[in-house]
Amino acid sequence: MTATTTLTARALLLDMDSTLVNSEAVVERCWRRWAAEQGLDAAEVLAVVHGRQGWATMAALLPDRPMERNLADNRRMLAQETADMDGVEPVPGAPAFMAALAGLPHALVTSADIALSDARMGAAGLPMPEVRITAESVGASKPDPEGFLKGAAELGFAPEDCLVFEDSEAGIEAGRAAGMRVIGVGDRAAAFAPTVQVRDLTQVRVEARADGVLAVHLTR
């Protein structure tokens, strides 16, 4: 038996990795290499990488490590990830979901940088939103709310009028900290108390109403 939940908003803020784009294979390859270099357990590393900028993950895992080394490793890994599109594909339902948002207020809010977000959205065949908040746009990584707050401001809406789509613990915490409701996408999201959780974007339908309100229908 299916049930439909409807949330309303005036703008949507979208994470990229594992929310719109399935890049899990690339992320795992890159971080397994880094974990081996540092002598860390790969499973423990992979448990905390999602949603954060790379340097923030490194700082959490190795708190006594000089930040200059984290930033240098982050630059190196971003280059590796940008060159590796093997297995990158859209999350189920993402092409239709993004097509439905054409002309509606929405923004990408990602921990990736400009080059990586260009590469992954392109590899997945998804259109890039006109408003994009990337690693270059913020001074703090998710779970800090800065990225989502900047996305809302650039679209011209109050935080409470925005609805976040996220998959990770860091991203869901960031959305909540920004004062926004969060739709968790994918199985991982269910553990982190989003407002509502869906399996993927095939369960999401966006309806633009005449008054400018976006009705987001979630069928589960």
C-alpha atoms as a PDB file:
ATOM      1  CA  MET A   1       0.000   0.000   0.000  1.00  0.00           C
ATOM      2  CA  THR A   2       1.414   3.407  -0.982  1.00  0.00           C
ATOM      3  CA  ALA A   3       0.990   6.694   0.855  1.00  0.00           C
ATOM      4  CA  THR A   4       1.624  10.223  -0.401  1.00  0.00           C
ATOM      5  CA  THR A   5       3.060  13.037   1.699  1.00  0.00           C
ATOM      6  CA  THR A   6       3.025  16.588   0.334  1.00  0.00           C
ATOM      7  CA  LEU A   7       5.402  19.310   1.481  1.00  0.00           C
ATOM      8  CA  THR A   8       5.210  22.867   0.200  1.00  0.00           C
ATOM      9  CA  ALA A   9       8.040  25.335  -0.371  1.00  0.00           C
ATOM     10  CA  ARG A  10       9.034  28.265  -2.545  1.00  0.00           C
ATOM     11  CA  ALA A  11      12.494  26.992  -3.468  1.00  0.00           C
ATOM     12  CA  LEU A  12      14.391  23.696  -3.505  1.00  0.00           C
ATOM     13  CA  LEU A  13      18.035  23.256  -2.494  1.00  0.00           C
ATOM     14  CA  LEU A  14      19.657  20.151  -3.901  1.00  0.00           C
ATOM     15  CA  ASP A  15      22.735  18.240  -2.821  1.00  0.00           C
ATOM     16  CA  MET A  16      24.551  16.495  -5.700  1.00  0.00           C
ATOM     17  CA  ASP A  17      26.373  13.289  -4.742  1.00  0.00           C
ATOM     18  CA  SER A  18      24.020  10.391  -3.950  1.00  0.00           C
ATOM     19  CA  THR A  19      21.070  12.799  -4.145  1.00  0.00           C
ATOM     20  CA  LEU A  20      21.093  13.611  -7.877  1.00  0.00           C
ATOM     21  CA  VAL A  21      24.210  11.776  -9.036  1.00  0.00           C
ATOM     22  CA  ASN A  22      25.332   8.283  -8.083  1.00  0.00           C
ATOM     23  CA  SER A  23      29.084   8.710  -7.606  1.00  0.00           C
ATOM     24  CA  GLU A  24      29.496   6.187  -4.811  1.00  0.00           C
ATOM     25  CA  ALA A  25      31.958   3.985  -6.732  1.00  0.00           C
ATOM     26  CA  VAL A  26      34.331   6.882  -7.443  1.00  0.00           C
ATOM     27  CA  VAL A  27      34.134   8.199  -3.886  1.00  0.00           C
ATOM     28  CA  GLU A  28      34.899   4.749  -2.498  1.00  0.00           C
ATOM     29  CA  ARG A  29      37.866   4.220  -4.829  1.00  0.00           C
ATOM     30  CA  CYS A  30      39.448   7.565  -3.968  1.00  0.00           C
ATOM     31  CA  TRP A  31      38.906   7.369  -0.235  1.00  0.00           C
ATOM     32  CA  ARG A  32      40.085   3.748   0.002  1.00  0.00           C
ATOM     33  CA  ARG A  33      43.374   4.861  -1.558  1.00  0.00           C
ATOM     34  CA  TRP A  34      43.674   7.746   0.888  1.00  0.00           C
ATOM     35  CA  ALA A  35      42.828   5.507   3.856  1.00  0.00           C
ATOM     36  CA  ALA A  36      45.554   3.044   2.822  1.00  0.00           C
ATOM     37  CA  GLU A  37      48.080   5.890   2.527  1.00  0.00           C
ATOM     38  CA  GLN A  38      47.265   6.999   6.084  1.00  0.00           C
ATOM     39  CA  GLY A  39      47.112   3.512   7.575  1.00  0.00           C
ATOM     40  CA  LEU A  40      43.437   3.954   8.437  1.00  0.00           C
ATOM     41  CA  ASP A  41      40.628   1.417   8.276  1.00  0.00           C
ATOM     42  CA  ALA A  42      38.765   2.033   5.007  1.00  0.00           C
ATOM     43  CA  ALA A  43      35.358   1.174   6.455  1.00  0.00           C
ATOM     44  CA  GLU A  44      35.798   3.734   9.238  1.00  0.00           C
ATOM     45  CA  VAL A  45      36.834   6.380   6.708  1.00  0.00           C
ATOM     46  CA  LEU A  46      33.944   5.658   4.351  1.00  0.00           C
ATOM     47  CA  ALA A  47      31.491   5.937   7.237  1.00  0.00           C
ATOM     48  CA  VAL A  48      32.211   9.667   7.616  1.00  0.00           C
ATOM     49  CA  VAL A  49      33.174  10.962   4.147  1.00  0.00           C
ATOM     50  CA  HIS A  50      29.714  11.592   2.714  1.00  0.00           C
ATOM     51  CA  GLY A  51      28.485  15.162   2.559  1.00  0.00           C
ATOM     52  CA  ARG A  52      31.625  16.926   3.769  1.00  0.00           C
ATOM     53  CA  GLN A  53      34.416  18.620   1.888  1.00  0.00           C
ATOM     54  CA  GLY A  54      37.460  16.372   1.816  1.00  0.00           C
ATOM     55  CA  TRP A  55      39.607  18.507   4.099  1.00  0.00           C
ATOM     56  CA  ALA A  56      36.852  18.504   6.727  1.00  0.00           C
ATOM     57  CA  THR A  57      36.677  14.706   6.635  1.00  0.00           C
ATOM     58  CA  MET A  58      40.445  14.494   7.033  1.00  0.00           C
ATOM     59  CA  ALA A  59      40.373  16.901   9.972  1.00  0.00           C
ATOM     60  CA  ALA A  60      37.687  14.814  11.678  1.00  0.00           C
ATOM     61  CA  LEU A  61      39.636  11.592  11.173  1.00  0.00           C
ATOM     62  CA  LEU A  62      43.097  12.998  11.978  1.00  0.00           C
ATOM     63  CA  PRO A  63      42.514  15.934  14.339  1.00  0.00           C
ATOM     64  CA  ASP A  64      46.219  16.488  15.051  1.00  0.00           C
ATOM     65  CA  ARG A  65      47.220  16.595  11.382  1.00  0.00           C
ATOM     66  CA  PRO A  66      48.325  20.008  10.051  1.00  0.00           C
ATOM     67  CA  MET A  67      45.550  21.650   8.027  1.00  0.00           C
ATOM     68  CA  GLU A  68      48.018  22.449   5.221  1.00  0.00           C
ATOM     69  CA  ARG A  69      48.403  18.708   4.601  1.00  0.00           C
ATOM     70  CA  ASN A  70      44.629  18.231   4.593  1.00  0.00           C
ATOM     71  CA  LEU A  71      44.190  21.032   2.076  1.00  0.00           C
ATOM     72  CA  ALA A  72      46.948  19.657  -0.136  1.00  0.00           C
ATOM     73  CA  ASP A  73      45.446  16.150  -0.051  1.00  0.00           C
ATOM     74  CA  ASN A  74      42.014  17.630  -0.724  1.00  0.00           C
ATOM     75  CA  ARG A  75      43.281  19.352  -3.877  1.00  0.00           C
ATOM     76  CA  ARG A  76      44.925  16.146  -5.053  1.00  0.00           C
ATOM     77  CA  MET A  77      41.807  14.068  -4.433  1.00  0.00           C
ATOM     78  CA  LEU A  78      39.514  16.568  -6.134  1.00  0.00           C
ATOM     79  CA  ALA A  79      41.698  16.286  -9.233  1.00  0.00           C
ATOM     80  CA  GLN A  80      41.534  12.483  -9.060  1.00  0.00           C
ATOM     81  CA  GLU A  81      37.754  12.489  -8.661  1.00  0.00           C
ATOM     82  CA  THR A  82      37.260  14.986 -11.479  1.00  0.00           C
ATOM     83  CA  ALA A  83      39.249  12.726 -13.815  1.00  0.00           C
ATOM     84  CA  ASP A  84      37.343   9.570 -12.790  1.00  0.00           C
ATOM     85  CA  MET A  85      33.795   9.355 -14.138  1.00  0.00           C
ATOM     86  CA  ASP A  86      33.685   5.549 -14.307  1.00  0.00           C
ATOM     87  CA  GLY A  87      30.332   4.450 -12.919  1.00  0.00           C
ATOM     88  CA  VAL A  88      28.915   7.963 -12.468  1.00  0.00           C
ATOM     89  CA  GLU A  89      25.222   7.977 -13.390  1.00  0.00           C
ATOM     90  CA  PRO A  90      22.013   9.735 -12.368  1.00  0.00           C
ATOM     91  CA  VAL A  91      20.150   8.605  -9.293  1.00  0.00           C
ATOM     92  CA  PRO A  92      16.925   6.908 -10.449  1.00  0.00           C
ATOM     93  CA  GLY A  93      14.336   9.573 -11.270  1.00  0.00           C
ATOM     94  CA  ALA A  94      16.870  12.427 -11.359  1.00  0.00           C
ATOM     95  CA  PRO A  95      16.514  13.282 -15.090  1.00  0.00           C
ATOM     96  CA  ALA A  96      12.738  13.682 -14.866  1.00  0.00           C
ATOM     97  CA  PHE A  97      13.009  15.482 -11.524  1.00  0.00           C
ATOM     98  CA  MET A  98      15.488  18.032 -12.878  1.00  0.00           C
ATOM     99  CA  ALA A  99      13.443  18.514 -16.042  1.00  0.00           C
ATOM    100  CA  ALA A 100      10.411  19.311 -13.881  1.00  0.00           C
ATOM    101  CA  LEU A 101      12.401  22.028 -12.079  1.00  0.00           C
ATOM    102  CA  ALA A 102      13.247  23.968 -15.250  1.00  0.00           C
ATOM    103  CA  GLY A 103      12.198  27.586 -14.683  1.00  0.00           C
ATOM    104  CA  LEU A 104      11.413  26.984 -10.995  1.00  0.00           C
ATOM    105  CA  PRO A 105      13.469  28.327  -8.054  1.00  0.00           C
ATOM    106  CA  HIS A 106      16.149  25.776  -7.212  1.00  0.00           C
ATOM    107  CA  ALA A 107      19.873  25.629  -6.520  1.00  0.00           C
ATOM    108  CA  LEU A 108      22.641  23.074  -6.270  1.00  0.00           C
ATOM    109  CA  VAL A 109      24.371  23.111  -2.869  1.00  0.00           C
ATOM    110  CA  THR A 110      27.330  20.737  -2.997  1.00  0.00           C
ATOM    111  CA  SER A 111      30.581  20.111  -1.157  1.00  0.00           C
ATOM    112  CA  ALA A 112      32.221  19.504  -4.549  1.00  0.00           C
ATOM    113  CA  ASP A 113      34.100  22.288  -6.286  1.00  0.00           C
ATOM    114  CA  ILE A 114      33.103  23.848  -9.613  1.00  0.00           C
ATOM    115  CA  ALA A 115      35.171  21.479 -11.742  1.00  0.00           C
ATOM    116  CA  LEU A 116      33.942  18.320 -10.008  1.00  0.00           C
ATOM    117  CA  SER A 117      30.295  19.397 -10.023  1.00  0.00           C
ATOM    118  CA  ASP A 118      30.562  20.248 -13.744  1.00  0.00           C
ATOM    119  CA  ALA A 119      32.099  16.845 -14.462  1.00  0.00           C
ATOM    120  CA  ARG A 120      29.645  14.771 -12.442  1.00  0.00           C
ATOM    121  CA  MET A 121      26.476  16.565 -13.507  1.00  0.00           C
ATOM    122  CA  GLY A 122      27.696  16.321 -17.095  1.00  0.00           C
ATOM    123  CA  ALA A 123      28.539  12.623 -16.820  1.00  0.00           C
ATOM    124  CA  ALA A 124      25.077  11.976 -15.372  1.00  0.00           C
ATOM    125  CA  GLY A 125      23.439  13.993 -18.164  1.00  0.00           C
ATOM    126  CA  LEU A 126      21.777  16.398 -15.741  1.00  0.00           C
ATOM    127  CA  PRO A 127      21.301  20.144 -16.298  1.00  0.00           C
ATOM    128  CA  MET A 128      23.263  22.455 -14.025  1.00  0.00           C
ATOM    129  CA  PRO A 129      21.001  24.802 -12.029  1.00  0.00           C
ATOM    130  CA  GLU A 130      21.548  28.505 -12.673  1.00  0.00           C
ATOM    131  CA  VAL A 131      22.310  28.983  -8.970  1.00  0.00           C
ATOM    132  CA  ARG A 132      25.116  26.812  -7.639  1.00  0.00           C
ATOM    133  CA  ILE A 133      26.837  26.864  -4.247  1.00  0.00           C
ATOM    134  CA  THR A 134      30.116  24.913  -4.340  1.00  0.00           C
ATOM    135  CA  ALA A 135      33.202  24.463  -2.166  1.00  0.00           C
ATOM    136  CA  GLU A 136      34.516  27.767  -3.508  1.00  0.00           C
ATOM    137  CA  SER A 137      31.388  29.582  -2.278  1.00  0.00           C
ATOM    138  CA  VAL A 138      31.719  28.838   1.434  1.00  0.00           C
ATOM    139  CA  GLY A 139      34.196  29.044   4.288  1.00  0.00           C
ATOM    140  CA  ALA A 140      32.718  26.128   6.217  1.00  0.00           C
ATOM    141  CA  SER A 141      31.813  22.611   5.132  1.00  0.00           C
ATOM    142  CA  LYS A 142      28.559  20.794   5.846  1.00  0.00           C
ATOM    143  CA  PRO A 143      27.300  20.116   8.544  1.00  0.00           C
ATOM    144  CA  ASP A 144      27.679  23.884   8.851  1.00  0.00           C
ATOM    145  CA  PRO A 145      24.520  25.494   7.352  1.00  0.00           C
ATOM    146  CA  GLU A 146      26.438  28.190   5.420  1.00  0.00           C
ATOM    147  CA  GLY A 147      25.953  26.586   2.006  1.00  0.00           C
ATOM    148  CA  PHE A 148      22.206  26.178   2.350  1.00  0.00           C
ATOM    149  CA  LEU A 149      21.785  29.665   3.774  1.00  0.00           C
ATOM    150  CA  LYS A 150      23.741  31.104   0.837  1.00  0.00           C
ATOM    151  CA  GLY A 151      21.650  29.109  -1.616  1.00  0.00           C
ATOM    152  CA  ALA A 152      18.432  30.462  -0.113  1.00  0.00           C
ATOM    153  CA  ALA A 153      19.783  34.026  -0.138  1.00  0.00           C
ATOM    154  CA  GLU A 154      20.884  33.827  -3.776  1.00  0.00           C
ATOM    155  CA  LEU A 155      17.432  32.584  -4.758  1.00  0.00           C
ATOM    156  CA  GLY A 156      15.855  35.362  -2.697  1.00  0.00           C
ATOM    157  CA  PHE A 157      13.912  33.235  -0.223  1.00  0.00           C
ATOM    158  CA  ALA A 158      13.849  32.889   3.543  1.00  0.00           C
ATOM    159  CA  PRO A 159      15.316  29.643   4.919  1.00  0.00           C
ATOM    160  CA  GLU A 160      11.945  28.461   6.170  1.00  0.00           C
ATOM    161  CA  ASP A 161      10.590  28.710   2.612  1.00  0.00           C
ATOM    162  CA  CYS A 162      13.214  26.295   1.278  1.00  0.00           C
ATOM    163  CA  LEU A 163      13.178  22.516   1.105  1.00  0.00           C
ATOM    164  CA  VAL A 164      16.476  20.593   1.083  1.00  0.00           C
ATOM    165  CA  PHE A 165      17.170  17.297  -0.706  1.00  0.00           C
ATOM    166  CA  GLU A 166      20.062  15.427   0.948  1.00  0.00           C
ATOM    167  CA  ASP A 167      21.463  11.937   1.486  1.00  0.00           C
ATOM    168  CA  SER A 168      24.163  12.256   4.163  1.00  0.00           C
ATOM    169  CA  GLU A 169      24.306  12.853   7.895  1.00  0.00           C
ATOM    170  CA  ALA A 170      26.387  16.015   7.423  1.00  0.00           C
ATOM    171  CA  GLY A 171      24.018  17.356   4.776  1.00  0.00           C
ATOM    172  CA  ILE A 172      20.863  16.604   6.718  1.00  0.00           C
ATOM    173  CA  GLU A 173      22.337  18.242   9.823  1.00  0.00           C
ATOM    174  CA  ALA A 174      23.285  21.275   7.729  1.00  0.00           C
ATOM    175  CA  GLY A 175      19.777  21.608   6.338  1.00  0.00           C
ATOM    176  CA  ARG A 176      18.208  21.379   9.773  1.00  0.00           C
ATOM    177  CA  ALA A 177      20.715  23.856  11.193  1.00  0.00           C
ATOM    178  CA  ALA A 178      19.706  26.267   8.425  1.00  0.00           C
ATOM    179  CA  GLY A 179      16.111  26.081   9.656  1.00  0.00           C
ATOM    180  CA  MET A 180      14.927  24.095   6.647  1.00  0.00           C
ATOM    181  CA  ARG A 181      12.954  20.916   6.192  1.00  0.00           C
ATOM    182  CA  VAL A 182      14.902  18.046   4.642  1.00  0.00           C
ATOM    183  CA  ILE A 183      13.868  15.285   2.265  1.00  0.00           C
ATOM    184  CA  GLY A 184      16.289  12.421   2.754  1.00  0.00           C
ATOM    185  CA  VAL A 185      17.149  10.592  -0.462  1.00  0.00           C
ATOM    186  CA  GLY A 186      18.333   6.980  -0.341  1.00  0.00           C
ATOM    187  CA  ASP A 187      18.623   4.330   2.333  1.00  0.00           C
ATOM    188  CA  ARG A 188      21.520   6.027   4.157  1.00  0.00           C
ATOM    189  CA  ALA A 189      19.407   9.115   4.845  1.00  0.00           C
ATOM    190  CA  ALA A 190      16.807   7.232   6.873  1.00  0.00           C
ATOM    191  CA  ALA A 191      19.131   6.943   9.886  1.00  0.00           C
ATOM    192  CA  PHE A 192      19.568  10.711  10.271  1.00  0.00           C
ATOM    193  CA  ALA A 193      16.002  11.873  10.936  1.00  0.00           C
ATOM    194  CA  PRO A 194      15.113  13.851   7.803  1.00  0.00           C
ATOM    195  CA  THR A 195      11.641  15.360   7.660  1.00  0.00           C
ATOM    196  CA  VAL A 196      10.669  12.683   5.129  1.00  0.00           C
ATOM    197  CA  GLN A 197      12.745   9.958   3.467  1.00  0.00           C
ATOM    198  CA  VAL A 198      12.377   8.487  -0.030  1.00  0.00           C
ATOM    199  CA  ARG A 199      14.181   5.614  -1.734  1.00  0.00           C
ATOM    200  CA  ASP A 200      15.117   7.739  -4.752  1.00  0.00           C
ATOM    201  CA  LEU A 201      13.734  10.525  -6.935  1.00  0.00           C
ATOM    202  CA  THR A 202      11.229   8.285  -8.719  1.00  0.00           C
ATOM    203  CA  GLN A 203       9.125   8.792  -5.579  1.00  0.00           C
ATOM    204  CA  VAL A 204       9.128  12.595  -5.944  1.00  0.00           C
ATOM    205  CA  ARG A 205       6.837  14.768  -8.062  1.00  0.00           C
ATOM    206  CA  VAL A 206       6.996  18.582  -8.080  1.00  0.00           C
ATOM    207  CA  GLU A 207       3.896  20.643  -8.856  1.00  0.00           C
ATOM    208  CA  ALA A 208       4.197  24.388  -9.448  1.00  0.00           C
ATOM    209  CA  ARG A 209       1.063  26.146  -8.244  1.00  0.00           C
ATOM    210  CA  ALA A 210      -0.254  29.424  -9.608  1.00  0.00           C
ATOM    211  CA  ASP A 211       0.649  31.304  -6.416  1.00  0.00           C
ATOM    212  CA  GLY A 212       4.337  30.395  -6.732  1.00  0.00           C
ATOM    213  CA  VAL A 213       4.195  27.623  -4.162  1.00  0.00           C
ATOM    214  CA  LEU A 214       5.956  24.363  -5.050  1.00  0.00           C
ATOM    215  CA  ALA A 215       4.052  21.299  -3.921  1.00  0.00           C
ATOM    216  CA  VAL A 216       6.430  18.364  -3.521  1.00  0.00           C
ATOM    217  CA  HIS A 217       4.524  15.088  -3.570  1.00  0.00           C
ATOM    218  CA  LEU A 218       6.351  12.103  -2.052  1.00  0.00           C
ATOM    219  CA  THR A 219       4.942   8.647  -2.725  1.00  0.00           C
ATOM    220  CA  ARG A 220       6.245   5.899  -0.470  1.00  0.00           C
END
